[in-house]
C-alpha atoms as a PDB file:
ATOM      1  CA  UNK A   1      12.125   8.361 -18.906  1.00  0.00           C
ATOM      2  CA  UNK A   2      10.493   9.661 -15.726  1.00  0.00           C
ATOM      3  CA  UNK A   3       6.712   9.782 -15.887  1.00  0.00           C
ATOM      4  CA  UNK A   4       5.460  12.912 -14.171  1.00  0.00           C
ATOM      5  CA  UNK A   5       1.824  13.411 -13.308  1.00  0.00           C
ATOM      6  CA  UNK A   6      -0.023  16.162 -15.112  1.00  0.00           C
ATOM      7  CA  UNK A   7      -2.037  18.358 -12.755  1.00  0.00           C
ATOM      8  CA  UNK A   8      -4.726  20.283 -14.600  1.00  0.00           C
ATOM      9  CA  UNK A   9      -7.696  22.496 -13.707  1.00  0.00           C
ATOM     10  CA  UNK A  10     -10.656  20.280 -12.880  1.00  0.00           C
ATOM     11  CA  UNK A  11     -13.172  20.442 -15.757  1.00  0.00           C
ATOM     12  CA  UNK A  12     -16.211  20.166 -13.466  1.00  0.00           C
ATOM     13  CA  UNK A  13     -15.058  21.832 -10.244  1.00  0.00           C
ATOM     14  CA  UNK A  14     -13.969  25.473 -10.566  1.00  0.00           C
ATOM     15  CA  UNK A  15     -10.876  26.311  -8.553  1.00  0.00           C
ATOM     16  CA  UNK A  16      -9.947  22.658  -8.117  1.00  0.00           C
ATOM     17  CA  UNK A  17      -7.235  20.575  -9.788  1.00  0.00           C
ATOM     18  CA  UNK A  18      -7.115  17.003 -11.030  1.00  0.00           C
ATOM     19  CA  UNK A  19      -4.095  14.695 -11.327  1.00  0.00           C
ATOM     20  CA  UNK A  20      -3.725  12.710 -14.563  1.00  0.00           C
ATOM     21  CA  UNK A  21      -1.167   9.893 -14.148  1.00  0.00           C
ATOM     22  CA  UNK A  22      -0.275   7.658 -17.059  1.00  0.00           C
ATOM     23  CA  UNK A  23      -1.776   4.204 -16.638  1.00  0.00           C
ATOM     24  CA  UNK A  24       0.336   1.068 -16.350  1.00  0.00           C
ATOM     25  CA  UNK A  25      -1.344  -2.122 -17.535  1.00  0.00           C
ATOM     26  CA  UNK A  26      -2.226  -4.492 -14.722  1.00  0.00           C
ATOM     27  CA  UNK A  27      -0.124  -7.633 -15.065  1.00  0.00           C
ATOM     28  CA  UNK A  28      -0.814  -9.915 -12.073  1.00  0.00           C
ATOM     29  CA  UNK A  29       1.845 -12.406 -11.078  1.00  0.00           C
ATOM     30  CA  UNK A  30       0.024 -13.888  -8.085  1.00  0.00           C
ATOM     31  CA  UNK A  31      -3.480 -15.300  -8.207  1.00  0.00           C
ATOM     32  CA  UNK A  32      -5.695 -16.148  -5.251  1.00  0.00           C
ATOM     33  CA  UNK A  33      -8.234 -17.740  -7.574  1.00  0.00           C
ATOM     34  CA  UNK A  34      -9.894 -19.977  -5.032  1.00  0.00           C
ATOM     35  CA  UNK A  35     -11.159 -19.019  -1.619  1.00  0.00           C
ATOM     36  CA  UNK A  36      -8.735 -20.555   0.836  1.00  0.00           C
ATOM     37  CA  UNK A  37      -7.289 -20.221   4.329  1.00  0.00           C
ATOM     38  CA  UNK A  38      -4.940 -17.426   3.199  1.00  0.00           C
ATOM     39  CA  UNK A  39      -7.813 -15.213   2.116  1.00  0.00           C
ATOM     40  CA  UNK A  40      -9.815 -16.148   5.195  1.00  0.00           C
ATOM     41  CA  UNK A  41      -6.920 -15.165   7.457  1.00  0.00           C
ATOM     42  CA  UNK A  42      -6.748 -11.777   5.722  1.00  0.00           C
ATOM     43  CA  UNK A  43     -10.497 -11.351   6.206  1.00  0.00           C
ATOM     44  CA  UNK A  44     -10.022 -12.162   9.899  1.00  0.00           C
ATOM     45  CA  UNK A  45      -7.328  -9.490  10.070  1.00  0.00           C
ATOM     46  CA  UNK A  46      -9.602  -6.987   8.317  1.00  0.00           C
ATOM     47  CA  UNK A  47     -12.362  -7.687  10.828  1.00  0.00           C
ATOM     48  CA  UNK A  48      -9.922  -7.233  13.715  1.00  0.00           C
ATOM     49  CA  UNK A  49      -8.823  -3.856  12.368  1.00  0.00           C
ATOM     50  CA  UNK A  50     -12.421  -2.778  11.763  1.00  0.00           C
ATOM     51  CA  UNK A  51     -13.631  -3.677  15.242  1.00  0.00           C
ATOM     52  CA  UNK A  52     -10.518  -2.510  17.071  1.00  0.00           C
ATOM     53  CA  UNK A  53     -11.074   0.712  18.997  1.00  0.00           C
ATOM     54  CA  UNK A  54      -7.344   1.320  18.764  1.00  0.00           C
ATOM     55  CA  UNK A  55      -7.344   1.393  14.966  1.00  0.00           C
ATOM     56  CA  UNK A  56      -7.541   4.889  13.431  1.00  0.00           C
ATOM     57  CA  UNK A  57     -10.549   5.946  11.391  1.00  0.00           C
ATOM     58  CA  UNK A  58      -8.592   8.335   9.218  1.00  0.00           C
ATOM     59  CA  UNK A  59      -6.781   6.888   6.229  1.00  0.00           C
ATOM     60  CA  UNK A  60      -3.579   8.796   6.944  1.00  0.00           C
ATOM     61  CA  UNK A  61      -2.059  10.272  10.078  1.00  0.00           C
ATOM     62  CA  UNK A  62      -2.893  13.882   9.211  1.00  0.00           C
ATOM     63  CA  UNK A  63      -5.985  13.243   7.145  1.00  0.00           C
ATOM     64  CA  UNK A  64      -9.378  14.715   7.950  1.00  0.00           C
ATOM     65  CA  UNK A  65     -11.056  12.016   5.863  1.00  0.00           C
ATOM     66  CA  UNK A  66     -12.960   9.553   8.034  1.00  0.00           C
ATOM     67  CA  UNK A  67     -13.328   6.022   6.743  1.00  0.00           C
ATOM     68  CA  UNK A  68     -16.424   3.933   7.380  1.00  0.00           C
ATOM     69  CA  UNK A  69     -16.134   0.337   8.559  1.00  0.00           C
ATOM     70  CA  UNK A  70     -16.327  -1.100   5.055  1.00  0.00           C
ATOM     71  CA  UNK A  71     -13.418   1.026   3.862  1.00  0.00           C
ATOM     72  CA  UNK A  72     -11.357   0.141   6.927  1.00  0.00           C
ATOM     73  CA  UNK A  73     -12.075  -3.536   6.362  1.00  0.00           C
ATOM     74  CA  UNK A  74     -11.265  -3.426   2.649  1.00  0.00           C
ATOM     75  CA  UNK A  75      -8.045  -1.436   3.165  1.00  0.00           C
ATOM     76  CA  UNK A  76      -6.768  -3.778   5.865  1.00  0.00           C
ATOM     77  CA  UNK A  77      -7.693  -6.977   4.010  1.00  0.00           C
ATOM     78  CA  UNK A  78      -6.259  -5.790   0.697  1.00  0.00           C
ATOM     79  CA  UNK A  79      -3.046  -4.589   2.328  1.00  0.00           C
ATOM     80  CA  UNK A  80      -2.470  -7.883   4.137  1.00  0.00           C
ATOM     81  CA  UNK A  81      -3.144  -9.971   1.032  1.00  0.00           C
ATOM     82  CA  UNK A  82      -0.625  -7.858  -0.881  1.00  0.00           C
ATOM     83  CA  UNK A  83       1.918  -8.476   1.864  1.00  0.00           C
ATOM     84  CA  UNK A  84       1.350 -12.198   1.431  1.00  0.00           C
ATOM     85  CA  UNK A  85       1.903 -11.805  -2.318  1.00  0.00           C
ATOM     86  CA  UNK A  86       5.254 -10.150  -1.582  1.00  0.00           C
ATOM     87  CA  UNK A  87       6.114 -12.886   0.924  1.00  0.00           C
ATOM     88  CA  UNK A  88       5.344 -15.523  -1.735  1.00  0.00           C
ATOM     89  CA  UNK A  89       7.531 -13.608  -4.181  1.00  0.00           C
ATOM     90  CA  UNK A  90      10.433 -13.841  -1.731  1.00  0.00           C
ATOM     91  CA  UNK A  91       9.911 -17.559  -1.194  1.00  0.00           C
ATOM     92  CA  UNK A  92       9.773 -18.181  -4.947  1.00  0.00           C
ATOM     93  CA  UNK A  93      13.109 -16.387  -5.308  1.00  0.00           C
ATOM     94  CA  UNK A  94      14.764 -18.170  -2.375  1.00  0.00           C
ATOM     95  CA  UNK A  95      14.937 -15.005  -0.270  1.00  0.00           C
ATOM     96  CA  UNK A  96      14.666 -15.279   3.498  1.00  0.00           C
ATOM     97  CA  UNK A  97      12.166 -12.974   5.180  1.00  0.00           C
ATOM     98  CA  UNK A  98       9.780 -12.935   8.111  1.00  0.00           C
ATOM     99  CA  UNK A  99       6.204 -14.069   7.706  1.00  0.00           C
ATOM    100  CA  UNK A 100       3.465 -11.411   7.329  1.00  0.00           C
ATOM    101  CA  UNK A 101       2.563  -9.751  10.626  1.00  0.00           C
ATOM    102  CA  UNK A 102      -1.082  -9.975  11.726  1.00  0.00           C
ATOM    103  CA  UNK A 103      -0.688  -8.011  14.975  1.00  0.00           C
ATOM    104  CA  UNK A 104      -2.786  -4.950  15.844  1.00  0.00           C
ATOM    105  CA  UNK A 105      -0.340  -2.350  17.193  1.00  0.00           C
ATOM    106  CA  UNK A 106      -2.966   0.135  18.306  1.00  0.00           C
ATOM    107  CA  UNK A 107      -3.926   3.640  17.316  1.00  0.00           C
ATOM    108  CA  UNK A 108      -1.051   5.803  16.177  1.00  0.00           C
ATOM    109  CA  UNK A 109       1.411   2.898  16.268  1.00  0.00           C
ATOM    110  CA  UNK A 110       2.787   0.948  13.338  1.00  0.00           C
ATOM    111  CA  UNK A 111       5.349  -1.790  12.840  1.00  0.00           C
ATOM    112  CA  UNK A 112       8.740  -0.378  11.874  1.00  0.00           C
ATOM    113  CA  UNK A 113       8.629  -2.209   8.535  1.00  0.00           C
ATOM    114  CA  UNK A 114       6.588  -4.939   6.858  1.00  0.00           C
ATOM    115  CA  UNK A 115       9.450  -7.320   6.129  1.00  0.00           C
ATOM    116  CA  UNK A 116      13.045  -7.920   7.043  1.00  0.00           C
ATOM    117  CA  UNK A 117      14.653  -9.551   4.004  1.00  0.00           C
ATOM    118  CA  UNK A 118      17.994 -11.333   4.333  1.00  0.00           C
ATOM    119  CA  UNK A 119      20.361 -11.396   1.361  1.00  0.00           C
ATOM    120  CA  UNK A 120      22.417 -14.493   0.397  1.00  0.00           C
ATOM    121  CA  UNK A 121      25.449 -12.951   2.173  1.00  0.00           C
ATOM    122  CA  UNK A 122      23.461 -12.428   5.380  1.00  0.00           C
ATOM    123  CA  UNK A 123      22.811  -8.681   5.156  1.00  0.00           C
ATOM    124  CA  UNK A 124      19.336  -7.584   6.234  1.00  0.00           C
ATOM    125  CA  UNK A 125      17.095  -4.987   4.602  1.00  0.00           C
ATOM    126  CA  UNK A 126      13.894  -3.272   5.769  1.00  0.00           C
ATOM    127  CA  UNK A 127      11.112  -3.526   3.205  1.00  0.00           C
ATOM    128  CA  UNK A 128       7.825  -1.621   3.236  1.00  0.00           C
ATOM    129  CA  UNK A 129       4.931  -2.902   1.113  1.00  0.00           C
ATOM    130  CA  UNK A 130       2.250  -0.510  -0.145  1.00  0.00           C
ATOM    131  CA  UNK A 131      -0.963  -1.655  -1.795  1.00  0.00           C
ATOM    132  CA  UNK A 132      -3.527  -0.123  -4.130  1.00  0.00           C
ATOM    133  CA  UNK A 133      -6.293  -1.135  -6.505  1.00  0.00           C
ATOM    134  CA  UNK A 134      -5.415  -2.628  -9.899  1.00  0.00           C
ATOM    135  CA  UNK A 135      -6.424   0.509 -11.800  1.00  0.00           C
ATOM    136  CA  UNK A 136      -4.139   2.801  -9.774  1.00  0.00           C
ATOM    137  CA  UNK A 137      -0.766   3.704 -11.252  1.00  0.00           C
ATOM    138  CA  UNK A 138       1.045   5.576  -8.494  1.00  0.00           C
ATOM    139  CA  UNK A 139       3.086   4.657  -5.463  1.00  0.00           C
ATOM    140  CA  UNK A 140       1.896   7.288  -2.962  1.00  0.00           C
ATOM    141  CA  UNK A 141       3.872   8.138   0.159  1.00  0.00           C
ATOM    142  CA  UNK A 142       2.420  10.614   2.641  1.00  0.00           C
ATOM    143  CA  UNK A 143       4.810  13.517   3.041  1.00  0.00           C
ATOM    144  CA  UNK A 144       4.301  14.042   6.759  1.00  0.00           C
ATOM    145  CA  UNK A 145       5.157  10.430   7.589  1.00  0.00           C
ATOM    146  CA  UNK A 146       8.734  10.775   6.324  1.00  0.00           C
ATOM    147  CA  UNK A 147      11.783  12.885   7.091  1.00  0.00           C
ATOM    148  CA  UNK A 148      13.686  14.759   4.388  1.00  0.00           C
ATOM    149  CA  UNK A 149      16.067  11.782   4.308  1.00  0.00           C
ATOM    150  CA  UNK A 150      13.215   9.421   3.484  1.00  0.00           C
ATOM    151  CA  UNK A 151      13.099   7.883   6.952  1.00  0.00           C
ATOM    152  CA  UNK A 152       9.766   6.600   8.239  1.00  0.00           C
ATOM    153  CA  UNK A 153       8.639   8.531  11.318  1.00  0.00           C
ATOM    154  CA  UNK A 154       5.701   6.333  12.373  1.00  0.00           C
ATOM    155  CA  UNK A 155       6.796   3.197  14.207  1.00  0.00           C
ATOM    156  CA  UNK A 156       5.621   1.291  17.248  1.00  0.00           C
ATOM    157  CA  UNK A 157       8.544  -0.531  18.758  1.00  0.00           C
ATOM    158  CA  UNK A 158      11.824   0.838  17.491  1.00  0.00           C
ATOM    159  CA  UNK A 159      14.462   1.699  20.078  1.00  0.00           C
ATOM    160  CA  UNK A 160      13.934   5.285  21.287  1.00  0.00           C
ATOM    161  CA  UNK A 161      11.206   5.748  18.669  1.00  0.00           C
ATOM    162  CA  UNK A 162      13.729   6.968  16.114  1.00  0.00           C
ATOM    163  CA  UNK A 163      12.737   7.246  12.418  1.00  0.00           C
ATOM    164  CA  UNK A 164      13.300   4.033  10.466  1.00  0.00           C
ATOM    165  CA  UNK A 165      15.121   3.516   7.188  1.00  0.00           C
ATOM    166  CA  UNK A 166      13.085   1.571   4.652  1.00  0.00           C
ATOM    167  CA  UNK A 167      15.731   0.270   2.277  1.00  0.00           C
ATOM    168  CA  UNK A 168      13.070  -0.633  -0.275  1.00  0.00           C
ATOM    169  CA  UNK A 169       9.438   0.302  -0.803  1.00  0.00           C
ATOM    170  CA  UNK A 170       7.389  -2.111  -2.915  1.00  0.00           C
ATOM    171  CA  UNK A 171       4.061  -1.457  -4.586  1.00  0.00           C
ATOM    172  CA  UNK A 172       1.498  -4.231  -5.039  1.00  0.00           C
ATOM    173  CA  UNK A 173      -1.746  -3.806  -6.956  1.00  0.00           C
ATOM    174  CA  UNK A 174      -4.776  -6.003  -6.279  1.00  0.00           C
ATOM    175  CA  UNK A 175      -7.909  -6.714  -8.283  1.00  0.00           C
ATOM    176  CA  UNK A 176     -11.523  -7.137  -7.147  1.00  0.00           C
ATOM    177  CA  UNK A 177     -11.382  -5.132  -3.905  1.00  0.00           C
ATOM    178  CA  UNK A 178     -13.173  -2.104  -5.346  1.00  0.00           C
ATOM    179  CA  UNK A 179     -15.952  -4.367  -6.647  1.00  0.00           C
ATOM    180  CA  UNK A 180     -16.135  -6.201  -3.321  1.00  0.00           C
ATOM    181  CA  UNK A 181     -16.418  -2.896  -1.444  1.00  0.00           C
ATOM    182  CA  UNK A 182     -19.224  -1.702  -3.732  1.00  0.00           C
ATOM    183  CA  UNK A 183     -21.108  -4.992  -3.370  1.00  0.00           C
ATOM    184  CA  UNK A 184     -20.840  -4.978   0.424  1.00  0.00           C
ATOM    185  CA  UNK A 185     -22.097  -1.391   0.637  1.00  0.00           C
ATOM    186  CA  UNK A 186     -24.884  -1.820  -1.923  1.00  0.00           C
ATOM    187  CA  UNK A 187     -26.220  -4.984  -0.280  1.00  0.00           C
ATOM    188  CA  UNK A 188     -25.535  -3.959   3.332  1.00  0.00           C
ATOM    189  CA  UNK A 189     -23.483  -7.083   3.978  1.00  0.00           C
ATOM    190  CA  UNK A 190     -22.439  -7.036   7.631  1.00  0.00           C
ATOM    191  CA  UNK A 191     -21.882 -10.452   9.172  1.00  0.00           C
ATOM    192  CA  UNK A 192     -18.592 -12.318   9.099  1.00  0.00           C
ATOM    193  CA  UNK A 193     -20.070 -15.355   7.335  1.00  0.00           C
ATOM    194  CA  UNK A 194     -21.817 -13.233   4.698  1.00  0.00           C
ATOM    195  CA  UNK A 195     -18.593 -11.312   4.001  1.00  0.00           C
ATOM    196  CA  UNK A 196     -16.735 -14.586   3.493  1.00  0.00           C
ATOM    197  CA  UNK A 197     -19.458 -15.669   1.077  1.00  0.00           C
ATOM    198  CA  UNK A 198     -18.942 -12.476  -0.958  1.00  0.00           C
ATOM    199  CA  UNK A 199     -15.212 -13.160  -1.315  1.00  0.00           C
ATOM    200  CA  UNK A 200     -15.943 -16.648  -2.637  1.00  0.00           C
ATOM    201  CA  UNK A 201     -17.461 -15.051  -5.745  1.00  0.00           C
ATOM    202  CA  UNK A 202     -14.243 -13.279  -6.752  1.00  0.00           C
ATOM    203  CA  UNK A 203     -10.898 -14.404  -8.123  1.00  0.00           C
ATOM    204  CA  UNK A 204      -8.418 -11.994  -6.581  1.00  0.00           C
ATOM    205  CA  UNK A 205      -5.186 -11.339  -8.438  1.00  0.00           C
ATOM    206  CA  UNK A 206      -2.156  -9.395  -7.211  1.00  0.00           C
ATOM    207  CA  UNK A 207       0.661  -7.766  -9.104  1.00  0.00           C
ATOM    208  CA  UNK A 208       3.954  -7.292  -7.283  1.00  0.00           C
ATOM    209  CA  UNK A 209       4.492  -4.188  -9.374  1.00  0.00           C
ATOM    210  CA  UNK A 210       8.011  -3.127  -8.460  1.00  0.00           C
ATOM    211  CA  UNK A 211      10.024  -1.110  -5.987  1.00  0.00           C
ATOM    212  CA  UNK A 212      12.061   1.986  -5.253  1.00  0.00           C
ATOM    213  CA  UNK A 213      15.196   2.265  -3.153  1.00  0.00           C
ATOM    214  CA  UNK A 214      15.711   4.769  -0.361  1.00  0.00           C
ATOM    215  CA  UNK A 215      18.123   6.566  -2.666  1.00  0.00           C
ATOM    216  CA  UNK A 216      15.371   7.015  -5.240  1.00  0.00           C
ATOM    217  CA  UNK A 217      12.954   8.157  -2.557  1.00  0.00           C
ATOM    218  CA  UNK A 218      15.424  10.792  -1.326  1.00  0.00           C
ATOM    219  CA  UNK A 219      15.730  12.054  -4.899  1.00  0.00           C
ATOM    220  CA  UNK A 220      11.921  12.330  -5.137  1.00  0.00           C
ATOM    221  CA  UNK A 221      11.842  14.273  -1.867  1.00  0.00           C
ATOM    222  CA  UNK A 222      14.598  16.607  -3.083  1.00  0.00           C
ATOM    223  CA  UNK A 223      12.464  17.346  -6.173  1.00  0.00           C
ATOM    224  CA  UNK A 224       9.290  17.944  -4.184  1.00  0.00           C
ATOM    225  CA  UNK A 225       7.973  20.554  -6.629  1.00  0.00           C
ATOM    226  CA  UNK A 226       7.964  17.881  -9.338  1.00  0.00           C
ATOM    227  CA  UNK A 227       6.882  14.796  -7.401  1.00  0.00           C
ATOM    228  CA  UNK A 228       4.258  15.987  -4.936  1.00  0.00           C
ATOM    229  CA  UNK A 229       0.495  15.737  -5.362  1.00  0.00           C
ATOM    230  CA  UNK A 230      -0.944  18.355  -3.067  1.00  0.00           C
ATOM    231  CA  UNK A 231      -3.829  18.055  -0.684  1.00  0.00           C
ATOM    232  CA  UNK A 232      -7.284  18.604  -2.289  1.00  0.00           C
ATOM    233  CA  UNK A 233      -6.042  17.616  -5.756  1.00  0.00           C
ATOM    234  CA  UNK A 234      -8.453  15.126  -7.306  1.00  0.00           C
ATOM    235  CA  UNK A 235      -7.202  11.585  -7.883  1.00  0.00           C
ATOM    236  CA  UNK A 236     -10.394   9.559  -7.929  1.00  0.00           C
ATOM    237  CA  UNK A 237     -11.450  11.722  -4.977  1.00  0.00           C
ATOM    238  CA  UNK A 238      -9.812  14.758  -3.337  1.00  0.00           C
ATOM    239  CA  UNK A 239      -6.437  13.912  -1.825  1.00  0.00           C
ATOM    240  CA  UNK A 240      -6.560  14.304   1.949  1.00  0.00           C
ATOM    241  CA  UNK A 241      -2.870  14.990   2.476  1.00  0.00           C
ATOM    242  CA  UNK A 242       0.230  15.911   0.496  1.00  0.00           C
ATOM    243  CA  UNK A 243       1.755  12.815  -1.110  1.00  0.00           C
ATOM    244  CA  UNK A 244       5.047  12.152  -2.816  1.00  0.00           C
ATOM    245  CA  UNK A 245       4.511   9.944  -5.836  1.00  0.00           C
ATOM    246  CA  UNK A 246       6.374   7.589  -8.131  1.00  0.00           C
ATOM    247  CA  UNK A 247       4.695   6.307 -11.273  1.00  0.00           C
ATOM    248  CA  UNK A 248       4.259   2.542 -11.428  1.00  0.00           C
ATOM    249  CA  UNK A 249       5.896   2.836 -14.849  1.00  0.00           C
ATOM    250  CA  UNK A 250       9.114   4.019 -13.167  1.00  0.00           C
ATOM    251  CA  UNK A 251       9.381   1.330 -10.498  1.00  0.00           C
ATOM    252  CA  UNK A 252      12.278  -1.072 -10.715  1.00  0.00           C
ATOM    253  CA  UNK A 253      10.914  -4.502 -11.738  1.00  0.00           C
ATOM    254  CA  UNK A 254      10.752  -7.212  -9.065  1.00  0.00           C
ATOM    255  CA  UNK A 255      13.155  -9.322 -11.114  1.00  0.00           C
ATOM    256  CA  UNK A 256      15.934  -6.831 -10.283  1.00  0.00           C
ATOM    257  CA  UNK A 257      15.394  -6.945  -6.517  1.00  0.00           C
ATOM    258  CA  UNK A 258      18.123  -9.471  -5.798  1.00  0.00           C
ATOM    259  CA  UNK A 259      20.659  -7.317  -7.629  1.00  0.00           C
ATOM    260  CA  UNK A 260      20.272  -4.680  -4.891  1.00  0.00           C
ATOM    261  CA  UNK A 261      20.730  -7.060  -1.976  1.00  0.00           C
ATOM    262  CA  UNK A 262      24.433  -6.655  -1.381  1.00  0.00           C
END
């Protein structure tokens, strides 16, 4: 069964529409229960991205939405912690892959993929890791960042700047970050030490939710009329760009990942 998102007229905003995805229960398989060096390193990365003049303010390449420093910090920290959760997943399953990348590539530049995973027979696969809050239920992929063949157009150091094939796209969902963001904003927490103190009050959990293959992504793109949430559609807030989507309920489970590495 493919779970399609219902898009309905917004009950409170005439002329607007709201997306109604079916919720998938949050089932974390990685827990960062205690404040440790891993979390601190992600906080350091978030601070670097927030202070970097080269880091874009807009959430997406073609978005008009401008993030404040708290949002930039939360997005970067959450994303990096989810990458670490995926890295731990690979280690637990005896899969070789590079360590998470903490480099700042600069405005308008991105690494060609998050991980290069090596199969038992030595074949290598590009893996992209997307993150979201624990209550979200969609893998969202910005339309304008991909070709019709599902190739990623935004990369920093690929030869000739050609679009990159992501063999797999994983979704990870993380708890606590929405609450942390609200607390930081409400209490005007600004300093590095105070931010670290806030994180010590939360037990962050991450779910490596599942993945899609490039073949699945190309199918989604070919059925754009069915799997596209359009700009200005409400999903928590108005969407800033057109996004392809896959329901978290339709992702292949992480336990099947090794079956595709051949």
